[in-house]
C-alpha atoms as a PDB file:
ATOM      1  CA  MET A   1      -3.594  -3.338 -20.154  1.00  0.00           C
ATOM      2  CA  SER A   2      -2.602  -5.021 -16.904  1.00  0.00           C
ATOM      3  CA  LYS A   3      -3.774  -7.688 -14.511  1.00  0.00           C
ATOM      4  CA  ILE A   4      -3.807  -5.885 -11.157  1.00  0.00           C
ATOM      5  CA  ILE A   5      -4.294  -7.013  -7.572  1.00  0.00           C
ATOM      6  CA  VAL A   6      -5.538  -4.051  -5.520  1.00  0.00           C
ATOM      7  CA  ALA A   7      -5.038  -4.174  -1.740  1.00  0.00           C
ATOM      8  CA  LEU A   8      -7.264  -1.836   0.308  1.00  0.00           C
ATOM      9  CA  GLY A   9      -6.501  -1.165   3.965  1.00  0.00           C
ATOM     10  CA  GLY A  10      -9.149  -2.091   6.538  1.00  0.00           C
ATOM     11  CA  ASN A  11      -8.783   1.253   8.281  1.00  0.00           C
ATOM     12  CA  ALA A  12      -9.722   2.975   5.021  1.00  0.00           C
ATOM     13  CA  LEU A  13     -13.157   1.357   5.247  1.00  0.00           C
ATOM     14  CA  GLY A  14     -14.380   3.010   8.437  1.00  0.00           C
ATOM     15  CA  ASN A  15     -15.357   1.963  11.954  1.00  0.00           C
ATOM     16  CA  ASN A  16     -19.046   1.108  11.574  1.00  0.00           C
ATOM     17  CA  ALA A  17     -21.379  -0.263   8.906  1.00  0.00           C
ATOM     18  CA  GLN A  18     -22.671   3.113   7.696  1.00  0.00           C
ATOM     19  CA  GLU A  19     -19.215   4.680   7.571  1.00  0.00           C
ATOM     20  CA  GLN A  20     -17.890   1.617   5.796  1.00  0.00           C
ATOM     21  CA  LEU A  21     -20.551   1.776   3.103  1.00  0.00           C
ATOM     22  CA  GLU A  22     -19.792   5.460   2.538  1.00  0.00           C
ATOM     23  CA  ARG A  23     -16.063   4.829   2.252  1.00  0.00           C
ATOM     24  CA  ALA A  24     -16.634   1.827   0.004  1.00  0.00           C
ATOM     25  CA  THR A  25     -18.493   4.200  -2.300  1.00  0.00           C
ATOM     26  CA  VAL A  26     -15.435   6.464  -2.415  1.00  0.00           C
ATOM     27  CA  ALA A  27     -13.128   3.507  -3.079  1.00  0.00           C
ATOM     28  CA  SER A  28     -15.416   2.264  -5.850  1.00  0.00           C
ATOM     29  CA  LYS A  29     -14.726   5.352  -7.947  1.00  0.00           C
ATOM     30  CA  ALA A  30     -10.976   4.713  -8.028  1.00  0.00           C
ATOM     31  CA  ILE A  31     -11.588   1.035  -8.746  1.00  0.00           C
ATOM     32  CA  ALA A  32     -14.041   1.841 -11.545  1.00  0.00           C
ATOM     33  CA  ASP A  33     -11.463   4.161 -13.107  1.00  0.00           C
ATOM     34  CA  LEU A  34      -9.043   1.231 -13.360  1.00  0.00           C
ATOM     35  CA  ILE A  35     -11.711  -1.066 -14.773  1.00  0.00           C
ATOM     36  CA  GLU A  36     -12.724   1.523 -17.374  1.00  0.00           C
ATOM     37  CA  ALA A  37      -9.085   1.761 -18.420  1.00  0.00           C
ATOM     38  CA  GLY A  38      -9.297  -1.922 -19.361  1.00  0.00           C
ATOM     39  CA  HIS A  39      -7.411  -3.489 -16.449  1.00  0.00           C
ATOM     40  CA  GLU A  40      -8.389  -6.833 -14.920  1.00  0.00           C
ATOM     41  CA  LEU A  41      -8.817  -6.482 -11.148  1.00  0.00           C
ATOM     42  CA  VAL A  42      -8.985  -8.511  -7.996  1.00  0.00           C
ATOM     43  CA  ILE A  43      -9.606  -6.467  -4.840  1.00  0.00           C
ATOM     44  CA  VAL A  44      -8.178  -7.567  -1.502  1.00  0.00           C
ATOM     45  CA  HIS A  45      -9.294  -5.675   1.605  1.00  0.00           C
ATOM     46  CA  GLY A  46      -8.211  -5.421   5.215  1.00  0.00           C
ATOM     47  CA  ASN A  47     -10.527  -6.001   8.164  1.00  0.00           C
ATOM     48  CA  GLY A  48      -8.578  -4.633  11.151  1.00  0.00           C
ATOM     49  CA  PRO A  49     -11.256  -2.571  12.907  1.00  0.00           C
ATOM     50  CA  GLN A  50     -14.147  -4.693  11.677  1.00  0.00           C
ATOM     51  CA  VAL A  51     -13.014  -8.137  12.799  1.00  0.00           C
ATOM     52  CA  GLY A  52     -12.091  -6.704  16.184  1.00  0.00           C
ATOM     53  CA  GLN A  53     -15.619  -5.382  16.565  1.00  0.00           C
ATOM     54  CA  ILE A  54     -17.088  -8.761  15.635  1.00  0.00           C
ATOM     55  CA  ARG A  55     -14.856 -10.544  18.131  1.00  0.00           C
ATOM     56  CA  LEU A  56     -15.604  -8.006  20.863  1.00  0.00           C
ATOM     57  CA  ALA A  57     -19.361  -8.408  20.350  1.00  0.00           C
ATOM     58  CA  PHE A  58     -19.055 -12.163  20.899  1.00  0.00           C
ATOM     59  CA  GLU A  59     -16.772 -11.650  23.910  1.00  0.00           C
ATOM     60  CA  ASP A  60     -19.286  -9.277  25.521  1.00  0.00           C
ATOM     61  CA  SER A  61     -22.222 -11.615  24.881  1.00  0.00           C
ATOM     62  CA  HIS A  62     -20.231 -14.587  26.135  1.00  0.00           C
ATOM     63  CA  ALA A  63     -19.333 -12.712  29.347  1.00  0.00           C
ATOM     64  CA  LYS A  64     -23.049 -12.177  29.962  1.00  0.00           C
ATOM     65  CA  GLY A  65     -23.712 -15.876  29.427  1.00  0.00           C
ATOM     66  CA  ASP A  66     -25.761 -15.270  26.282  1.00  0.00           C
ATOM     67  CA  VAL A  67     -23.763 -17.037  23.540  1.00  0.00           C
ATOM     68  CA  PRO A  68     -20.699 -19.271  23.194  1.00  0.00           C
ATOM     69  CA  LEU A  69     -17.466 -17.772  21.926  1.00  0.00           C
ATOM     70  CA  ILE A  70     -16.986 -18.092  18.170  1.00  0.00           C
ATOM     71  CA  PRO A  71     -13.543 -19.198  16.889  1.00  0.00           C
ATOM     72  CA  PHE A  72     -11.522 -16.369  15.401  1.00  0.00           C
ATOM     73  CA  ALA A  73     -11.389 -17.952  11.931  1.00  0.00           C
ATOM     74  CA  GLU A  74     -15.191 -17.730  11.820  1.00  0.00           C
ATOM     75  CA  CYS A  75     -14.991 -14.044  12.807  1.00  0.00           C
ATOM     76  CA  ILE A  76     -12.696 -13.429   9.834  1.00  0.00           C
ATOM     77  CA  ALA A  77     -15.172 -15.212   7.552  1.00  0.00           C
ATOM     78  CA  MET A  78     -17.966 -12.976   8.877  1.00  0.00           C
ATOM     79  CA  SER A  79     -15.905  -9.856   8.186  1.00  0.00           C
ATOM     80  CA  GLN A  80     -15.172 -11.092   4.657  1.00  0.00           C
ATOM     81  CA  GLY A  81     -18.885 -11.441   4.075  1.00  0.00           C
ATOM     82  CA  TYR A  82     -20.094  -8.047   5.182  1.00  0.00           C
ATOM     83  CA  ILE A  83     -17.121  -5.983   3.943  1.00  0.00           C
ATOM     84  CA  GLY A  84     -17.212  -7.817   0.627  1.00  0.00           C
ATOM     85  CA  TYR A  85     -20.965  -7.193   0.406  1.00  0.00           C
ATOM     86  CA  HIS A  86     -20.469  -3.440   0.846  1.00  0.00           C
ATOM     87  CA  LEU A  87     -17.629  -3.287  -1.690  1.00  0.00           C
ATOM     88  CA  GLN A  88     -19.573  -5.404  -4.164  1.00  0.00           C
ATOM     89  CA  GLN A  89     -22.604  -3.135  -3.917  1.00  0.00           C
ATOM     90  CA  ALA A  90     -20.557   0.051  -4.211  1.00  0.00           C
ATOM     91  CA  ILE A  91     -18.422  -1.076  -7.167  1.00  0.00           C
ATOM     92  CA  ASP A  92     -21.424  -2.488  -9.025  1.00  0.00           C
ATOM     93  CA  GLU A  93     -23.404   0.711  -8.492  1.00  0.00           C
ATOM     94  CA  GLU A  94     -20.522   2.842  -9.764  1.00  0.00           C
ATOM     95  CA  LEU A  95     -20.038   0.667 -12.847  1.00  0.00           C
ATOM     96  CA  VAL A  96     -23.753   0.692 -13.668  1.00  0.00           C
ATOM     97  CA  ALA A  97     -23.816   4.498 -13.289  1.00  0.00           C
ATOM     98  CA  ARG A  98     -21.054   4.644 -15.895  1.00  0.00           C
ATOM     99  CA  GLY A  99     -22.955   2.397 -18.282  1.00  0.00           C
ATOM    100  CA  HIS A 100     -21.102  -0.845 -17.510  1.00  0.00           C
ATOM    101  CA  ASP A 101     -23.940  -3.040 -16.316  1.00  0.00           C
ATOM    102  CA  ASP A 102     -22.383  -6.020 -18.121  1.00  0.00           C
ATOM    103  CA  ILE A 103     -19.376  -6.330 -15.775  1.00  0.00           C
ATOM    104  CA  PRO A 104     -20.108  -8.774 -12.931  1.00  0.00           C
ATOM    105  CA  VAL A 105     -18.711  -8.034  -9.459  1.00  0.00           C
ATOM    106  CA  ILE A 106     -18.424 -10.912  -6.994  1.00  0.00           C
ATOM    107  CA  ALA A 107     -17.269 -11.113  -3.370  1.00  0.00           C
ATOM    108  CA  MET A 108     -15.676 -14.472  -2.715  1.00  0.00           C
ATOM    109  CA  LEU A 109     -15.107 -16.204   0.612  1.00  0.00           C
ATOM    110  CA  THR A 110     -11.446 -17.154   0.521  1.00  0.00           C
ATOM    111  CA  GLN A 111      -9.363 -19.605   2.538  1.00  0.00           C
ATOM    112  CA  VAL A 112      -5.648 -18.893   2.736  1.00  0.00           C
ATOM    113  CA  VAL A 113      -3.443 -21.878   3.491  1.00  0.00           C
ATOM    114  CA  VAL A 114      -0.715 -21.471   6.120  1.00  0.00           C
ATOM    115  CA  ASP A 115       1.947 -23.854   7.411  1.00  0.00           C
ATOM    116  CA  ALA A 116       1.072 -25.364  10.794  1.00  0.00           C
ATOM    117  CA  ASN A 117       4.817 -25.322  11.532  1.00  0.00           C
ATOM    118  CA  ASP A 118       5.215 -21.601  10.781  1.00  0.00           C
ATOM    119  CA  SER A 119       7.342 -20.048  13.530  1.00  0.00           C
ATOM    120  CA  ALA A 120       4.635 -17.411  14.050  1.00  0.00           C
ATOM    121  CA  PHE A 121       2.560 -19.993  15.937  1.00  0.00           C
ATOM    122  CA  ALA A 122       5.249 -20.108  18.630  1.00  0.00           C
ATOM    123  CA  ASN A 123       5.163 -16.324  19.033  1.00  0.00           C
ATOM    124  CA  PRO A 124       1.644 -14.855  18.764  1.00  0.00           C
ATOM    125  CA  SER A 125       1.960 -11.125  18.101  1.00  0.00           C
ATOM    126  CA  LYS A 126      -1.214  -9.805  16.468  1.00  0.00           C
ATOM    127  CA  PRO A 127      -3.589  -8.101  18.979  1.00  0.00           C
ATOM    128  CA  ILE A 128      -7.299  -8.729  18.491  1.00  0.00           C
ATOM    129  CA  GLY A 129     -10.532  -8.006  20.326  1.00  0.00           C
ATOM    130  CA  GLY A 130     -11.128  -5.832  23.371  1.00  0.00           C
ATOM    131  CA  TYR A 131      -8.950  -4.397  26.134  1.00  0.00           C
ATOM    132  CA  TYR A 132      -8.832  -5.932  29.608  1.00  0.00           C
ATOM    133  CA  SER A 133      -7.282  -5.189  32.955  1.00  0.00           C
ATOM    134  CA  GLU A 134      -4.237  -7.229  33.873  1.00  0.00           C
ATOM    135  CA  SER A 135      -6.203  -9.285  36.392  1.00  0.00           C
ATOM    136  CA  ASP A 136      -9.004 -10.049  33.921  1.00  0.00           C
ATOM    137  CA  ALA A 137      -6.498 -10.930  31.193  1.00  0.00           C
ATOM    138  CA  LYS A 138      -4.661 -13.356  33.463  1.00  0.00           C
ATOM    139  CA  ARG A 139      -7.969 -14.931  34.476  1.00  0.00           C
ATOM    140  CA  LEU A 140      -8.906 -15.360  30.810  1.00  0.00           C
ATOM    141  CA  MET A 141      -5.519 -16.909  30.050  1.00  0.00           C
ATOM    142  CA  GLN A 142      -6.137 -19.498  32.754  1.00  0.00           C
ATOM    143  CA  GLU A 143      -9.701 -20.172  31.607  1.00  0.00           C
ATOM    144  CA  THR A 144      -9.106 -20.320  27.859  1.00  0.00           C
ATOM    145  CA  GLY A 145      -5.425 -21.033  27.293  1.00  0.00           C
ATOM    146  CA  ASN A 146      -5.273 -17.994  25.009  1.00  0.00           C
ATOM    147  CA  ILE A 147      -2.403 -15.500  25.281  1.00  0.00           C
ATOM    148  CA  TYR A 148      -2.952 -11.897  26.389  1.00  0.00           C
ATOM    149  CA  ARG A 149      -0.354  -9.131  26.412  1.00  0.00           C
ATOM    150  CA  GLU A 150      -0.212  -5.512  27.461  1.00  0.00           C
ATOM    151  CA  ASP A 151      -0.831  -3.221  24.471  1.00  0.00           C
ATOM    152  CA  ALA A 152       0.897   0.192  24.515  1.00  0.00           C
ATOM    153  CA  GLY A 153      -0.415   1.170  27.940  1.00  0.00           C
ATOM    154  CA  ARG A 154      -4.046   0.864  26.865  1.00  0.00           C
ATOM    155  CA  GLY A 155      -4.779  -2.463  28.511  1.00  0.00           C
ATOM    156  CA  TRP A 156      -4.298  -6.155  27.836  1.00  0.00           C
ATOM    157  CA  ARG A 157      -5.473  -7.782  24.609  1.00  0.00           C
ATOM    158  CA  ARG A 158      -5.469 -11.251  23.198  1.00  0.00           C
ATOM    159  CA  VAL A 159      -2.701 -11.917  20.665  1.00  0.00           C
ATOM    160  CA  VAL A 160      -2.783 -14.507  17.875  1.00  0.00           C
ATOM    161  CA  PRO A 161      -0.145 -15.720  15.394  1.00  0.00           C
ATOM    162  CA  SER A 162       0.362 -14.048  12.020  1.00  0.00           C
ATOM    163  CA  PRO A 163       1.744 -16.790   9.737  1.00  0.00           C
ATOM    164  CA  LYS A 164       2.760 -16.256   6.118  1.00  0.00           C
ATOM    165  CA  PRO A 165       0.412 -17.482   3.355  1.00  0.00           C
ATOM    166  CA  ILE A 166       1.644 -20.439   1.332  1.00  0.00           C
ATOM    167  CA  ASP A 167      -1.349 -21.061  -0.938  1.00  0.00           C
ATOM    168  CA  ILE A 168      -4.935 -20.023  -1.651  1.00  0.00           C
ATOM    169  CA  TYR A 169      -7.464 -22.847  -1.612  1.00  0.00           C
ATOM    170  CA  GLU A 170      -9.787 -21.209  -4.161  1.00  0.00           C
ATOM    171  CA  LYS A 171      -7.057 -20.208  -6.655  1.00  0.00           C
ATOM    172  CA  LEU A 172      -8.522 -22.198  -9.565  1.00  0.00           C
ATOM    173  CA  THR A 173     -11.922 -20.582  -9.078  1.00  0.00           C
ATOM    174  CA  LEU A 174     -10.265 -17.150  -8.846  1.00  0.00           C
ATOM    175  CA  LYS A 175      -8.445 -17.709 -12.134  1.00  0.00           C
ATOM    176  CA  ALA A 176     -11.636 -18.879 -13.838  1.00  0.00           C
ATOM    177  CA  LEU A 177     -13.555 -15.805 -12.677  1.00  0.00           C
ATOM    178  CA  MET A 178     -10.782 -13.497 -13.881  1.00  0.00           C
ATOM    179  CA  GLU A 179     -10.679 -15.224 -17.255  1.00  0.00           C
ATOM    180  CA  ASP A 180     -14.427 -14.601 -17.446  1.00  0.00           C
ATOM    181  CA  LYS A 181     -13.709 -10.849 -16.981  1.00  0.00           C
ATOM    182  CA  GLN A 182     -15.415 -10.676 -13.600  1.00  0.00           C
ATOM    183  CA  VAL A 183     -14.257  -8.235 -10.929  1.00  0.00           C
ATOM    184  CA  VAL A 184     -13.432 -10.332  -7.880  1.00  0.00           C
ATOM    185  CA  ILE A 185     -13.185  -9.316  -4.211  1.00  0.00           C
ATOM    186  CA  ALA A 186     -11.087 -11.975  -2.479  1.00  0.00           C
ATOM    187  CA  CYS A 187      -8.752 -12.726   0.450  1.00  0.00           C
ATOM    188  CA  GLY A 188     -10.630 -10.277   2.651  1.00  0.00           C
ATOM    189  CA  GLY A 189      -8.781  -9.580   5.895  1.00  0.00           C
ATOM    190  CA  GLY A 190      -5.907 -11.703   4.613  1.00  0.00           C
ATOM    191  CA  GLY A 191      -8.267 -14.626   4.074  1.00  0.00           C
ATOM    192  CA  VAL A 192      -9.527 -17.236   6.529  1.00  0.00           C
ATOM    193  CA  PRO A 193      -6.310 -18.976   7.692  1.00  0.00           C
ATOM    194  CA  VAL A 194      -6.491 -22.754   7.304  1.00  0.00           C
ATOM    195  CA  VAL A 195      -4.070 -25.633   7.762  1.00  0.00           C
ATOM    196  CA  TYR A 196      -4.223 -29.118   6.276  1.00  0.00           C
ATOM    197  CA  SER A 197      -4.695 -31.864   8.827  1.00  0.00           C
ATOM    198  CA  GLY A 198      -5.641 -35.473   8.186  1.00  0.00           C
ATOM    199  CA  THR A 199      -7.909 -35.348   5.172  1.00  0.00           C
ATOM    200  CA  ARG A 200      -9.174 -31.772   5.298  1.00  0.00           C
ATOM    201  CA  TYR A 201      -8.400 -28.122   5.860  1.00  0.00           C
ATOM    202  CA  HIS A 202      -9.578 -26.471   9.051  1.00  0.00           C
ATOM    203  CA  GLY A 203      -9.459 -22.924  10.358  1.00  0.00           C
ATOM    204  CA  VAL A 204      -6.954 -21.745  12.955  1.00  0.00           C
ATOM    205  CA  ASP A 205      -6.918 -18.783  15.327  1.00  0.00           C
ATOM    206  CA  ALA A 206      -4.528 -16.558  13.414  1.00  0.00           C
ATOM    207  CA  VAL A 207      -4.379 -13.496  11.187  1.00  0.00           C
ATOM    208  CA  VAL A 208      -2.728 -13.430   7.760  1.00  0.00           C
ATOM    209  CA  ASP A 209      -1.462  -9.980   6.853  1.00  0.00           C
ATOM    210  CA  LYS A 210      -3.652  -8.761   3.987  1.00  0.00           C
ATOM    211  CA  ASP A 211      -0.683  -7.351   2.047  1.00  0.00           C
ATOM    212  CA  PHE A 212       1.139 -10.695   2.173  1.00  0.00           C
ATOM    213  CA  ALA A 213      -2.070 -12.437   1.120  1.00  0.00           C
ATOM    214  CA  ALA A 214      -2.424  -9.984  -1.777  1.00  0.00           C
ATOM    215  CA  ALA A 215       1.185 -10.675  -2.822  1.00  0.00           C
ATOM    216  CA  LYS A 216       0.578 -14.440  -2.759  1.00  0.00           C
ATOM    217  CA  LEU A 217      -2.626 -14.000  -4.760  1.00  0.00           C
ATOM    218  CA  ALA A 218      -0.837 -11.773  -7.283  1.00  0.00           C
ATOM    219  CA  HIS A 219       1.820 -14.450  -7.742  1.00  0.00           C
ATOM    220  CA  LEU A 220      -0.676 -17.298  -8.123  1.00  0.00           C
ATOM    221  CA  VAL A 221      -2.772 -15.531 -10.793  1.00  0.00           C
ATOM    222  CA  ASP A 222       0.349 -14.242 -12.594  1.00  0.00           C
ATOM    223  CA  ALA A 223      -0.552 -10.567 -12.128  1.00  0.00           C
ATOM    224  CA  ASP A 224       1.406  -7.695 -13.621  1.00  0.00           C
ATOM    225  CA  VAL A 225       0.954  -5.240 -10.753  1.00  0.00           C
ATOM    226  CA  LEU A 226       0.402  -5.407  -7.012  1.00  0.00           C
ATOM    227  CA  LEU A 227      -1.207  -2.078  -6.089  1.00  0.00           C
ATOM    228  CA  ILE A 228      -1.262  -1.461  -2.327  1.00  0.00           C
ATOM    229  CA  LEU A 229      -3.450   1.530  -1.515  1.00  0.00           C
ATOM    230  CA  THR A 230      -3.010   3.295   1.787  1.00  0.00           C
ATOM    231  CA  ALA A 231      -3.306   6.751   3.380  1.00  0.00           C
ATOM    232  CA  VAL A 232      -0.112   8.298   1.962  1.00  0.00           C
ATOM    233  CA  ASP A 233       0.950   9.165  -1.573  1.00  0.00           C
ATOM    234  CA  ARG A 234       4.423   7.625  -1.286  1.00  0.00           C
ATOM    235  CA  VAL A 235       6.677   5.607   0.996  1.00  0.00           C
ATOM    236  CA  PHE A 236       9.135   7.705   3.006  1.00  0.00           C
ATOM    237  CA  ILE A 237      12.434   7.071   4.720  1.00  0.00           C
ATOM    238  CA  ASN A 238      13.326   9.090   7.813  1.00  0.00           C
ATOM    239  CA  PHE A 239       9.607   9.787   8.155  1.00  0.00           C
ATOM    240  CA  ASN A 240       8.665  12.836  10.255  1.00  0.00           C
ATOM    241  CA  THR A 241      12.264  14.012  10.545  1.00  0.00           C
ATOM    242  CA  PRO A 242      14.154  16.875   8.823  1.00  0.00           C
ATOM    243  CA  GLU A 243      15.773  14.181   6.609  1.00  0.00           C
ATOM    244  CA  GLN A 244      12.410  12.837   5.399  1.00  0.00           C
ATOM    245  CA  MET A 245      12.576  11.709   1.766  1.00  0.00           C
ATOM    246  CA  ALA A 246       9.859  10.315  -0.494  1.00  0.00           C
ATOM    247  CA  LEU A 247      10.727   7.244  -2.543  1.00  0.00           C
ATOM    248  CA  GLU A 248       9.526   7.193  -6.145  1.00  0.00           C
ATOM    249  CA  THR A 249      11.037   4.103  -7.806  1.00  0.00           C
ATOM    250  CA  ILE A 250      13.261   1.649  -5.938  1.00  0.00           C
ATOM    251  CA  THR A 251      14.810  -1.683  -6.842  1.00  0.00           C
ATOM    252  CA  LEU A 252      14.544  -4.873  -4.830  1.00  0.00           C
ATOM    253  CA  ALA A 253      18.103  -4.388  -3.605  1.00  0.00           C
ATOM    254  CA  GLU A 254      17.370  -0.835  -2.483  1.00  0.00           C
ATOM    255  CA  ALA A 255      14.169  -1.921  -0.755  1.00  0.00           C
ATOM    256  CA  ALA A 256      16.026  -4.722   1.028  1.00  0.00           C
ATOM    257  CA  ASN A 257      18.631  -2.221   2.217  1.00  0.00           C
ATOM    258  CA  TYR A 258      15.983   0.137   3.605  1.00  0.00           C
ATOM    259  CA  VAL A 259      14.261  -2.761   5.384  1.00  0.00           C
ATOM    260  CA  GLU A 260      17.545  -3.959   6.888  1.00  0.00           C
ATOM    261  CA  LYS A 261      18.282  -0.464   8.217  1.00  0.00           C
ATOM    262  CA  GLY A 262      14.874  -0.297   9.907  1.00  0.00           C
ATOM    263  CA  TYR A 263      13.392   2.616   7.984  1.00  0.00           C
ATOM    264  CA  PHE A 264       9.836   1.207   7.995  1.00  0.00           C
ATOM    265  CA  ALA A 265       7.526   0.676  10.986  1.00  0.00           C
ATOM    266  CA  ALA A 266       6.642  -2.965  11.694  1.00  0.00           C
ATOM    267  CA  GLY A 267       2.920  -2.351  12.130  1.00  0.00           C
ATOM    268  CA  SER A 268       2.584   0.103   9.266  1.00  0.00           C
ATOM    269  CA  MET A 269       4.756   0.408   6.150  1.00  0.00           C
ATOM    270  CA  LEU A 270       7.091  -2.555   6.665  1.00  0.00           C
ATOM    271  CA  PRO A 271       4.644  -5.331   5.648  1.00  0.00           C
ATOM    272  CA  LYS A 272       3.601  -3.315   2.584  1.00  0.00           C
ATOM    273  CA  VAL A 273       7.198  -2.988   1.400  1.00  0.00           C
ATOM    274  CA  GLN A 274       7.930  -6.638   2.197  1.00  0.00           C
ATOM    275  CA  ALA A 275       4.800  -7.763   0.338  1.00  0.00           C
ATOM    276  CA  GLY A 276       5.872  -5.708  -2.674  1.00  0.00           C
ATOM    277  CA  MET A 277       9.297  -7.329  -2.558  1.00  0.00           C
ATOM    278  CA  MET A 278       7.758 -10.807  -2.309  1.00  0.00           C
ATOM    279  CA  PHE A 279       5.679 -10.238  -5.416  1.00  0.00           C
ATOM    280  CA  VAL A 280       8.326  -8.568  -7.568  1.00  0.00           C
ATOM    281  CA  GLY A 281      11.183 -10.882  -6.629  1.00  0.00           C
ATOM    282  CA  GLY A 282       9.359 -14.108  -5.940  1.00  0.00           C
ATOM    283  CA  ASN A 283      11.915 -16.464  -4.393  1.00  0.00           C
ATOM    284  CA  ASN A 284      14.840 -14.807  -6.130  1.00  0.00           C
ATOM    285  CA  ASP A 285      17.688 -13.027  -4.399  1.00  0.00           C
ATOM    286  CA  ALA A 286      17.177  -9.254  -4.320  1.00  0.00           C
ATOM    287  CA  ASN A 287      20.580  -8.708  -5.936  1.00  0.00           C
ATOM    288  CA  ASP A 288      20.152 -11.254  -8.741  1.00  0.00           C
ATOM    289  CA  CYS A 289      19.107  -9.398 -11.903  1.00  0.00           C
ATOM    290  CA  SER A 290      19.969 -12.143 -14.365  1.00  0.00           C
ATOM    291  CA  ALA A 291      17.493 -13.067 -17.060  1.00  0.00           C
ATOM    292  CA  SER A 292      17.000 -16.467 -15.454  1.00  0.00           C
ATOM    293  CA  ALA A 293      16.035 -14.889 -12.128  1.00  0.00           C
ATOM    294  CA  ILE A 294      13.700 -12.163 -13.377  1.00  0.00           C
ATOM    295  CA  THR A 295      11.039 -13.908 -15.431  1.00  0.00           C
ATOM    296  CA  LYS A 296       8.489 -11.112 -15.647  1.00  0.00           C
ATOM    297  CA  ASN A 297       8.445  -7.339 -15.516  1.00  0.00           C
ATOM    298  CA  ARG A 298       6.358  -7.164 -12.368  1.00  0.00           C
ATOM    299  CA  ARG A 299       5.752  -3.989 -10.368  1.00  0.00           C
ATOM    300  CA  ALA A 300       4.559  -3.383  -6.842  1.00  0.00           C
ATOM    301  CA  ILE A 301       3.155   0.076  -6.152  1.00  0.00           C
ATOM    302  CA  ILE A 302       2.353   1.609  -2.772  1.00  0.00           C
ATOM    303  CA  GLY A 303       0.237   4.760  -2.968  1.00  0.00           C
ATOM    304  CA  SER A 304      -2.953   6.536  -1.971  1.00  0.00           C
ATOM    305  CA  LEU A 305      -6.467   5.518  -2.943  1.00  0.00           C
ATOM    306  CA  ASP A 306      -7.366   8.847  -4.546  1.00  0.00           C
ATOM    307  CA  LYS A 307      -4.273   8.707  -6.777  1.00  0.00           C
ATOM    308  CA  ALA A 308      -4.501   5.056  -7.780  1.00  0.00           C
ATOM    309  CA  ALA A 309      -4.598   5.755 -11.524  1.00  0.00           C
ATOM    310  CA  ASP A 310      -1.708   8.227 -11.255  1.00  0.00           C
ATOM    311  CA  SER A 311       0.355   5.607  -9.411  1.00  0.00           C
ATOM    312  CA  LEU A 312       0.077   3.197 -12.339  1.00  0.00           C
ATOM    313  CA  VAL A 313       1.764   5.686 -14.671  1.00  0.00           C
ATOM    314  CA  GLY A 314       4.433   6.799 -12.198  1.00  0.00           C
ATOM    315  CA  GLN A 315       2.920  10.166 -11.326  1.00  0.00           C
ATOM    316  CA  SER A 316       2.351   9.180  -7.700  1.00  0.00           C
ATOM    317  CA  GLY A 317       3.131   6.333  -5.338  1.00  0.00           C
ATOM    318  CA  THR A 318       6.312   4.348  -4.717  1.00  0.00           C
ATOM    319  CA  THR A 319       7.092   1.668  -7.290  1.00  0.00           C
ATOM    320  CA  ILE A 320       9.226  -1.384  -6.500  1.00  0.00           C
ATOM    321  CA  VAL A 321      10.900  -2.958  -9.534  1.00  0.00           C
ATOM    322  CA  ALA A 322      13.323  -5.855  -9.882  1.00  0.00           C
ATOM    323  CA  CYS A 323      16.387  -3.978 -11.105  1.00  0.00           C
END
């Protein structure tokens, strides 16, 4: 049996609390299947729609003079809490229904450490919150010092950095919970991004990509599999063209070649493939298949939620292997 980090997309969890709870119930069935098969799991989830809604609610209330603006790191922590709560309830209910009332499920607030000198801080690129007119966005930039950019013709939105994760503050607690056979929900929304300054860590206005956070977590807990669940059964090259081709099993070198040629969209499949490569290869060169470079037979799998179990045995999904 395997130690698996499961990454669930935020968009797969709906656009409001009721829809999210319903979709968490669907996700819990696939997760329970993996638990019943004897695998150890940590579940990482996205928070794309949800954290934007939280931020927008504070922006609207602030504009009316009702409440102060809340820092974005705190918004991420709020999204971790309520998404984790829904997933925890749904997974626990599914396990109990199957007769497994002895398996604890815990949602854990998680801080993900980033480098204050990460180049992403010099080029904020992740849109968050509501849409504004150009005049309102420029006014807000003057008032707050935040950066706003035009977003695909739909209006102007605030953008924040998206630095890479370098550590997870709670990693020792995560390992202890896994060793105790608990099902852990962690690094929600990529985790609350924190940097070390002076004598303590403090939150920063940024977003850590949840797939990169899942890859870092998988590395730190020495997982066997990084399972990234999304809306499609496999990764494709030449997507939506007559030359479209599904990828079943690819090596690190092949994945690197596809990335270099620009086959994957930056806001969609690219970070998933890159996260898979990070986990499988660690810091090793993609073309180095020597025994000294490849220390573990790790796999990264990108597939659909409803075929999660099939993906583990190669009947669905795209698997990234070292060589």
